[in-house]
Structure formats: C-alpha cells, structure tokens
Amino acid sequence: VKDYPKMIKKIDHRQWQEFFLKEAMKLKKEIFTE
C-alpha cells in the first residue's frame, strides 16, 4: 500500500473531515438505535 500517503495528500482535508464526521454520525445513530 505504497500509494496510500499520496492518496491522503490528494484528498482535501476539509472534505476528508466532512466525510469522516458524516460517517461518525451514521455510526452513532446505528449504535444508539440498537
């Protein structure tokens, strides 16, 4: 997985944070509904 760091650098950090937060919210909802 040599290209992994390059991929991260290509992704805009702001977009990455938004994506991460959305995924975290989904996980929280799933956890709390159970």
Protein backbone atom coordinates (compact mmCIF):
# COMPACT_ATOMS: atom_id res chain seq x y z
CA VAL A 1 0.00 0.00 0.00
CA LYS A 2 2.77 2.40 -1.00
CA ASP A 3 0.39 4.87 -2.66
CA TYR A 4 -1.75 5.33 0.47
CA PRO A 5 0.03 8.51 1.74
CA LYS A 6 -0.21 10.03 -1.74
CA MET A 7 -3.95 9.37 -1.83
CA ILE A 8 -4.42 11.11 1.52
CA LYS A 9 -2.46 14.14 0.33
CA LYS A 10 -4.60 14.39 -2.82
CA ILE A 11 -7.80 14.48 -0.76
CA ASP A 12 -8.73 17.93 0.53
CA HIS A 13 -8.51 17.90 4.32
CA ARG A 14 -11.78 19.78 4.66
CA GLN A 15 -13.62 17.24 2.52
CA TRP A 16 -11.98 14.41 4.47
CA GLN A 17 -13.16 15.89 7.80
CA GLU A 18 -16.71 16.33 6.49
CA PHE A 19 -16.77 12.76 5.21
CA PHE A 20 -15.38 11.45 8.49
CA LEU A 21 -17.92 13.40 10.55
CA LYS A 22 -20.81 12.14 8.40
CA GLU A 23 -19.64 8.54 8.82
CA ALA A 24 -19.25 9.08 12.57
CA MET A 25 -22.80 10.44 12.81
CA LYS A 26 -24.12 7.40 10.93
CA LEU A 27 -22.28 5.09 13.32
CA LYS A 28 -23.60 6.98 16.36
CA LYS A 29 -27.18 6.71 15.09
CA GLU A 30 -26.77 2.98 14.47
CA ILE A 31 -25.28 2.44 17.93
CA PHE A 32 -27.96 4.44 19.75
CA THR A 33 -30.90 2.91 17.86
CA GLU A 34 -29.75 -0.56 18.97
